[in-house]
Amino acid sequence: MVLLALLPALPGRACPVMLVSGASRGGAIDLTFRNRDKLPIRRLEFTCKMANAPAKSALVPCYEPNASFLPGGQYTLTYGVPSGRGPVLVSVKSAMFSDGRTWKPSKRDPCRVLRIPLPHAK
């Protein structure tokens, strides 16, 4: 049992998408991430949630249905968000790779949640 704790994690178990940073500007968020897997990502979906919005209007569509994010590459995507108060919480929902494999986070293999503050409304 002690030896198992010293072994490296199995490939593909850790979150393959590293959320690097996020910023807001004029009704949109810029999300920067890196593909940490060995294969290109072909489809990528994030959960983008307005933290202080009512449940029905809290989710914002944040996905790339036809992409080519190469391994090791850092990318910035822009998504429109409704004006409002509070931050946008962003996390990886799923990633499909060029071999057809789909990765989704779990309690055992979570991804970082990125908090992007929105500018204060005037």
N, C-alpha and C. Protein backbone atom coordinates (compact mmCIF):
# COMPACT_ATOMS: atom_id res chain seq x y z
N MET A 1 0.81 -1.20 0.00
CA MET A 1 0.00 0.00 0.00
C MET A 1 0.85 1.26 0.00
N VAL A 2 1.93 1.29 0.71
CA VAL A 2 2.79 2.47 0.76
C VAL A 2 3.37 2.75 -0.61
N LEU A 3 3.71 1.72 -1.38
CA LEU A 3 4.27 1.90 -2.72
C LEU A 3 3.29 2.58 -3.66
N LEU A 4 2.02 2.29 -3.54
CA LEU A 4 1.01 2.90 -4.41
C LEU A 4 0.98 4.42 -4.24
N ALA A 5 1.18 4.90 -3.03
CA ALA A 5 1.16 6.34 -2.79
C ALA A 5 2.34 7.03 -3.47
N LEU A 6 3.39 6.31 -3.78
CA LEU A 6 4.56 6.90 -4.40
C LEU A 6 4.53 6.86 -5.92
N LEU A 7 3.61 6.10 -6.49
CA LEU A 7 3.52 5.99 -7.95
C LEU A 7 2.89 7.25 -8.53
N PRO A 8 3.30 7.65 -9.75
CA PRO A 8 2.68 8.83 -10.37
C PRO A 8 1.23 8.53 -10.74
N ALA A 9 0.46 9.58 -10.88
CA ALA A 9 -0.95 9.43 -11.28
C ALA A 9 -1.03 8.84 -12.67
N LEU A 10 -2.07 8.11 -12.95
CA LEU A 10 -2.26 7.53 -14.28
C LEU A 10 -2.48 8.63 -15.30
N PRO A 11 -1.93 8.46 -16.52
CA PRO A 11 -2.13 9.48 -17.55
C PRO A 11 -3.61 9.68 -17.85
N GLY A 12 -4.00 10.93 -18.08
CA GLY A 12 -5.38 11.22 -18.44
C GLY A 12 -6.30 11.41 -17.25
N ARG A 13 -5.80 11.21 -16.05
CA ARG A 13 -6.66 11.35 -14.88
C ARG A 13 -6.72 12.78 -14.38
N ALA A 14 -5.63 13.50 -14.49
CA ALA A 14 -5.62 14.90 -14.05
C ALA A 14 -6.36 15.76 -15.06
N CYS A 15 -6.79 16.91 -14.61
CA CYS A 15 -7.51 17.83 -15.50
C CYS A 15 -6.61 18.19 -16.69
N PRO A 16 -7.04 17.90 -17.91
CA PRO A 16 -6.20 18.16 -19.08
C PRO A 16 -6.19 19.61 -19.54
N VAL A 17 -7.08 20.42 -18.96
CA VAL A 17 -7.17 21.83 -19.34
C VAL A 17 -6.83 22.69 -18.12
N MET A 18 -5.76 23.44 -18.22
CA MET A 18 -5.37 24.30 -17.12
C MET A 18 -5.91 25.70 -17.38
N LEU A 19 -6.79 26.17 -16.50
CA LEU A 19 -7.30 27.54 -16.60
C LEU A 19 -6.20 28.47 -16.08
N VAL A 20 -5.70 29.33 -16.96
CA VAL A 20 -4.57 30.19 -16.63
C VAL A 20 -5.03 31.51 -16.04
N SER A 21 -5.95 32.18 -16.74
CA SER A 21 -6.41 33.49 -16.25
C SER A 21 -7.72 33.86 -16.92
N GLY A 22 -8.34 34.90 -16.39
CA GLY A 22 -9.57 35.42 -16.96
C GLY A 22 -9.66 36.91 -16.69
N ALA A 23 -10.35 37.61 -17.58
CA ALA A 23 -10.55 39.05 -17.42
C ALA A 23 -11.90 39.41 -18.00
N SER A 24 -12.47 40.50 -17.53
CA SER A 24 -13.76 40.95 -18.08
C SER A 24 -13.56 42.30 -18.74
N ARG A 25 -14.39 42.52 -19.76
CA ARG A 25 -14.37 43.81 -20.46
C ARG A 25 -15.67 43.96 -21.23
N GLY A 26 -16.33 45.05 -21.07
CA GLY A 26 -17.51 45.43 -21.84
C GLY A 26 -18.47 44.33 -22.23
N GLY A 27 -19.05 43.62 -21.30
CA GLY A 27 -20.04 42.60 -21.61
C GLY A 27 -19.46 41.28 -22.07
N ALA A 28 -18.18 41.05 -21.83
CA ALA A 28 -17.54 39.80 -22.25
C ALA A 28 -16.47 39.40 -21.24
N ILE A 29 -16.13 38.12 -21.28
CA ILE A 29 -15.00 37.63 -20.50
C ILE A 29 -13.98 37.03 -21.45
N ASP A 30 -12.71 37.22 -21.13
CA ASP A 30 -11.61 36.58 -21.85
C ASP A 30 -11.08 35.48 -20.95
N LEU A 31 -11.01 34.27 -21.47
CA LEU A 31 -10.60 33.10 -20.72
C LEU A 31 -9.35 32.52 -21.37
N THR A 32 -8.26 32.45 -20.61
CA THR A 32 -7.01 31.89 -21.12
C THR A 32 -6.77 30.54 -20.47
N PHE A 33 -6.45 29.54 -21.30
CA PHE A 33 -6.23 28.18 -20.82
C PHE A 33 -5.10 27.53 -21.60
N ARG A 34 -4.65 26.38 -21.09
CA ARG A 34 -3.59 25.61 -21.74
C ARG A 34 -4.03 24.15 -21.85
N ASN A 35 -3.77 23.52 -22.99
CA ASN A 35 -4.03 22.09 -23.19
C ASN A 35 -2.84 21.33 -22.61
N ARG A 36 -3.06 20.59 -21.52
CA ARG A 36 -2.00 19.84 -20.86
C ARG A 36 -1.96 18.38 -21.30
N ASP A 37 -2.83 17.98 -22.19
CA ASP A 37 -2.86 16.59 -22.65
C ASP A 37 -1.85 16.40 -23.78
N LYS A 38 -1.68 15.16 -24.20
CA LYS A 38 -0.75 14.84 -25.31
C LYS A 38 -1.44 14.88 -26.66
N LEU A 39 -2.77 14.98 -26.66
CA LEU A 39 -3.52 15.01 -27.91
C LEU A 39 -4.22 16.36 -28.10
N PRO A 40 -4.49 16.74 -29.35
CA PRO A 40 -5.27 17.97 -29.59
C PRO A 40 -6.69 17.83 -29.04
N ILE A 41 -7.23 18.94 -28.55
CA ILE A 41 -8.63 18.99 -28.11
C ILE A 41 -9.47 19.42 -29.30
N ARG A 42 -10.52 18.66 -29.60
CA ARG A 42 -11.40 18.96 -30.73
C ARG A 42 -12.69 19.65 -30.33
N ARG A 43 -13.15 19.40 -29.11
CA ARG A 43 -14.35 20.06 -28.59
C ARG A 43 -14.10 20.37 -27.12
N LEU A 44 -14.46 21.58 -26.71
CA LEU A 44 -14.20 22.00 -25.33
C LEU A 44 -15.41 22.75 -24.81
N GLU A 45 -15.85 22.37 -23.63
CA GLU A 45 -17.00 23.02 -23.02
C GLU A 45 -16.67 23.41 -21.58
N PHE A 46 -17.01 24.65 -21.26
CA PHE A 46 -16.83 25.18 -19.91
C PHE A 46 -18.19 25.40 -19.28
N THR A 47 -18.24 25.37 -17.96
CA THR A 47 -19.40 25.83 -17.22
C THR A 47 -19.09 27.26 -16.82
N CYS A 48 -19.86 28.20 -17.32
CA CYS A 48 -19.70 29.61 -16.99
C CYS A 48 -20.96 30.03 -16.25
N LYS A 49 -20.80 30.36 -15.00
CA LYS A 49 -21.96 30.65 -14.15
C LYS A 49 -21.82 32.03 -13.53
N MET A 50 -22.88 32.82 -13.68
CA MET A 50 -22.93 34.11 -13.01
C MET A 50 -23.19 33.82 -11.52
N ALA A 51 -22.24 34.16 -10.69
CA ALA A 51 -22.31 33.77 -9.28
C ALA A 51 -23.50 34.34 -8.53
N ASN A 52 -23.92 35.56 -8.85
CA ASN A 52 -25.00 36.21 -8.10
C ASN A 52 -26.31 36.30 -8.86
N ALA A 53 -26.49 35.49 -9.90
CA ALA A 53 -27.72 35.53 -10.69
C ALA A 53 -28.68 34.44 -10.22
N PRO A 54 -29.98 34.63 -10.48
CA PRO A 54 -30.94 33.57 -10.18
C PRO A 54 -30.58 32.30 -10.95
N ALA A 55 -30.92 31.14 -10.41
CA ALA A 55 -30.50 29.86 -10.97
C ALA A 55 -30.79 29.71 -12.47
N LYS A 56 -31.99 30.11 -12.91
CA LYS A 56 -32.36 29.92 -14.31
C LYS A 56 -31.52 30.76 -15.27
N SER A 57 -31.09 31.92 -14.84
CA SER A 57 -30.34 32.79 -15.73
C SER A 57 -28.84 32.80 -15.41
N ALA A 58 -28.40 31.91 -14.54
CA ALA A 58 -27.01 31.94 -14.08
C ALA A 58 -26.03 31.39 -15.12
N LEU A 59 -26.44 30.41 -15.92
CA LEU A 59 -25.51 29.78 -16.86
C LEU A 59 -25.37 30.58 -18.15
N VAL A 60 -24.14 30.69 -18.60
CA VAL A 60 -23.79 31.40 -19.83
C VAL A 60 -23.16 30.37 -20.76
N PRO A 61 -23.57 30.32 -22.05
CA PRO A 61 -22.96 29.33 -22.95
C PRO A 61 -21.48 29.64 -23.20
N CYS A 62 -20.62 28.67 -22.91
CA CYS A 62 -19.18 28.81 -23.11
C CYS A 62 -18.65 27.49 -23.68
N TYR A 63 -18.62 27.36 -24.98
CA TYR A 63 -18.13 26.11 -25.57
C TYR A 63 -17.55 26.36 -26.96
N GLU A 64 -16.70 25.44 -27.36
CA GLU A 64 -16.07 25.45 -28.68
C GLU A 64 -16.36 24.10 -29.32
N PRO A 65 -17.40 24.03 -30.19
CA PRO A 65 -17.82 22.74 -30.72
C PRO A 65 -16.91 22.16 -31.80
N ASN A 66 -16.11 22.98 -32.46
CA ASN A 66 -15.26 22.50 -33.54
C ASN A 66 -13.91 23.22 -33.44
N ALA A 67 -13.01 22.65 -32.64
CA ALA A 67 -11.77 23.36 -32.32
C ALA A 67 -10.56 22.51 -32.64
N SER A 68 -9.40 23.11 -32.54
CA SER A 68 -8.13 22.39 -32.65
C SER A 68 -7.14 23.07 -31.70
N PHE A 69 -7.18 22.66 -30.44
CA PHE A 69 -6.28 23.21 -29.44
C PHE A 69 -5.15 22.20 -29.25
N LEU A 70 -3.96 22.55 -29.73
CA LEU A 70 -2.83 21.64 -29.74
C LEU A 70 -2.22 21.47 -28.35
N PRO A 71 -1.57 20.31 -28.11
CA PRO A 71 -0.95 20.06 -26.81
C PRO A 71 0.08 21.13 -26.46
N GLY A 72 0.07 21.57 -25.22
CA GLY A 72 1.02 22.56 -24.74
C GLY A 72 0.69 23.99 -25.12
N GLY A 73 -0.25 24.17 -26.03
CA GLY A 73 -0.61 25.52 -26.48
C GLY A 73 -1.43 26.27 -25.46
N GLN A 74 -1.23 27.58 -25.43
CA GLN A 74 -2.04 28.45 -24.58
C GLN A 74 -2.96 29.26 -25.48
N TYR A 75 -4.24 29.33 -25.12
CA TYR A 75 -5.26 29.95 -25.96
C TYR A 75 -6.12 30.88 -25.13
N THR A 76 -6.64 31.92 -25.78
CA THR A 76 -7.58 32.84 -25.14
C THR A 76 -8.86 32.86 -25.95
N LEU A 77 -9.98 32.64 -25.27
CA LEU A 77 -11.31 32.66 -25.88
C LEU A 77 -12.12 33.78 -25.25
N THR A 78 -13.07 34.32 -26.01
CA THR A 78 -13.93 35.39 -25.50
C THR A 78 -15.38 34.94 -25.58
N TYR A 79 -16.11 35.15 -24.49
CA TYR A 79 -17.52 34.80 -24.42
C TYR A 79 -18.31 36.00 -23.91
N GLY A 80 -19.47 36.24 -24.50
CA GLY A 80 -20.35 37.30 -24.04
C GLY A 80 -21.03 36.89 -22.74
N VAL A 81 -21.19 37.85 -21.86
CA VAL A 81 -21.89 37.61 -20.59
C VAL A 81 -22.88 38.74 -20.37
N PRO A 82 -24.02 38.43 -19.74
CA PRO A 82 -24.97 39.50 -19.44
C PRO A 82 -24.38 40.44 -18.38
N SER A 83 -24.78 41.67 -18.45
CA SER A 83 -24.31 42.60 -17.42
C SER A 83 -24.95 42.21 -16.10
N GLY A 84 -24.24 42.41 -15.06
CA GLY A 84 -24.76 42.04 -13.75
C GLY A 84 -23.72 42.26 -12.69
N ARG A 85 -24.11 41.91 -11.51
CA ARG A 85 -23.20 42.06 -10.38
C ARG A 85 -22.55 40.72 -10.08
N GLY A 86 -21.40 40.82 -9.48
CA GLY A 86 -20.72 39.61 -9.04
C GLY A 86 -19.85 38.99 -10.11
N PRO A 87 -19.09 38.00 -9.74
CA PRO A 87 -18.15 37.38 -10.67
C PRO A 87 -18.80 36.29 -11.53
N VAL A 88 -18.06 35.88 -12.55
CA VAL A 88 -18.40 34.71 -13.35
C VAL A 88 -17.48 33.59 -12.88
N LEU A 89 -18.05 32.44 -12.56
CA LEU A 89 -17.28 31.27 -12.15
C LEU A 89 -17.14 30.34 -13.35
N VAL A 90 -15.91 30.01 -13.72
CA VAL A 90 -15.65 29.20 -14.91
C VAL A 90 -14.93 27.92 -14.51
N SER A 91 -15.41 26.79 -15.04
CA SER A 91 -14.74 25.50 -14.82
C SER A 91 -14.88 24.66 -16.09
N VAL A 92 -14.04 23.66 -16.23
CA VAL A 92 -14.09 22.77 -17.39
C VAL A 92 -15.25 21.79 -17.20
N LYS A 93 -16.11 21.71 -18.21
CA LYS A 93 -17.23 20.77 -18.17
C LYS A 93 -16.88 19.48 -18.91
N SER A 94 -16.23 19.60 -20.09
CA SER A 94 -15.79 18.42 -20.83
C SER A 94 -14.78 18.82 -21.90
N ALA A 95 -13.97 17.86 -22.28
CA ALA A 95 -13.00 18.04 -23.36
C ALA A 95 -12.97 16.77 -24.18
N MET A 96 -13.17 16.89 -25.51
CA MET A 96 -13.08 15.74 -26.40
C MET A 96 -11.79 15.86 -27.20
N PHE A 97 -11.04 14.77 -27.24
CA PHE A 97 -9.74 14.77 -27.89
C PHE A 97 -9.81 14.19 -29.30
N SER A 98 -8.73 14.33 -30.04
CA SER A 98 -8.70 13.91 -31.45
C SER A 98 -8.89 12.41 -31.61
N ASP A 99 -8.68 11.61 -30.57
CA ASP A 99 -8.90 10.17 -30.65
C ASP A 99 -10.34 9.79 -30.30
N GLY A 100 -11.20 10.79 -30.03
CA GLY A 100 -12.60 10.53 -29.70
C GLY A 100 -12.87 10.39 -28.21
N ARG A 101 -11.83 10.31 -27.41
CA ARG A 101 -11.98 10.18 -25.96
C ARG A 101 -12.52 11.50 -25.39
N THR A 102 -13.47 11.39 -24.45
CA THR A 102 -14.01 12.58 -23.78
C THR A 102 -13.65 12.51 -22.30
N TRP A 103 -13.13 13.62 -21.79
CA TRP A 103 -12.78 13.73 -20.38
C TRP A 103 -13.77 14.67 -19.71
N LYS A 104 -14.26 14.26 -18.53
CA LYS A 104 -15.13 15.12 -17.72
C LYS A 104 -14.60 15.10 -16.29
N PRO A 105 -14.67 16.24 -15.61
CA PRO A 105 -14.19 16.26 -14.23
C PRO A 105 -15.10 15.43 -13.32
N SER A 106 -14.53 14.98 -12.23
CA SER A 106 -15.28 14.24 -11.22
C SER A 106 -14.79 14.70 -9.85
N LYS A 107 -15.41 14.18 -8.82
CA LYS A 107 -14.97 14.54 -7.47
C LYS A 107 -13.53 14.10 -7.26
N ARG A 108 -13.17 12.98 -7.85
CA ARG A 108 -11.81 12.45 -7.72
C ARG A 108 -10.81 13.21 -8.60
N ASP A 109 -11.26 13.67 -9.75
CA ASP A 109 -10.40 14.36 -10.71
C ASP A 109 -11.01 15.72 -11.08
N PRO A 110 -11.00 16.68 -10.16
CA PRO A 110 -11.62 17.98 -10.45
C PRO A 110 -10.68 18.90 -11.23
N CYS A 111 -11.24 19.95 -11.76
CA CYS A 111 -10.47 21.02 -12.39
C CYS A 111 -10.62 22.28 -11.54
N ARG A 112 -9.70 23.17 -11.70
CA ARG A 112 -9.73 24.45 -10.99
C ARG A 112 -10.96 25.26 -11.43
N VAL A 113 -11.54 26.00 -10.49
CA VAL A 113 -12.60 26.95 -10.81
C VAL A 113 -11.97 28.33 -10.85
N LEU A 114 -12.20 29.03 -11.94
CA LEU A 114 -11.65 30.37 -12.12
C LEU A 114 -12.73 31.40 -11.83
N ARG A 115 -12.41 32.38 -11.05
CA ARG A 115 -13.35 33.44 -10.67
C ARG A 115 -12.96 34.71 -11.41
N ILE A 116 -13.86 35.18 -12.29
CA ILE A 116 -13.58 36.38 -13.09
C ILE A 116 -14.50 37.49 -12.62
N PRO A 117 -13.97 38.52 -11.96
CA PRO A 117 -14.81 39.63 -11.50
C PRO A 117 -15.31 40.46 -12.68
N LEU A 118 -16.54 40.92 -12.58
CA LEU A 118 -17.10 41.79 -13.59
C LEU A 118 -16.96 43.24 -13.14
N PRO A 119 -16.83 44.17 -14.10
CA PRO A 119 -16.75 45.59 -13.70
C PRO A 119 -18.07 46.01 -13.06
N HIS A 120 -17.99 46.92 -12.13
CA HIS A 120 -19.19 47.43 -11.46
C HIS A 120 -20.03 48.24 -12.43
N ALA A 121 -21.32 47.99 -12.43
CA ALA A 121 -22.23 48.77 -13.27
C ALA A 121 -22.36 50.19 -12.72
N LYS A 122 -22.47 51.16 -13.63
CA LYS A 122 -22.57 52.56 -13.20
C LYS A 122 -24.01 52.95 -13.00
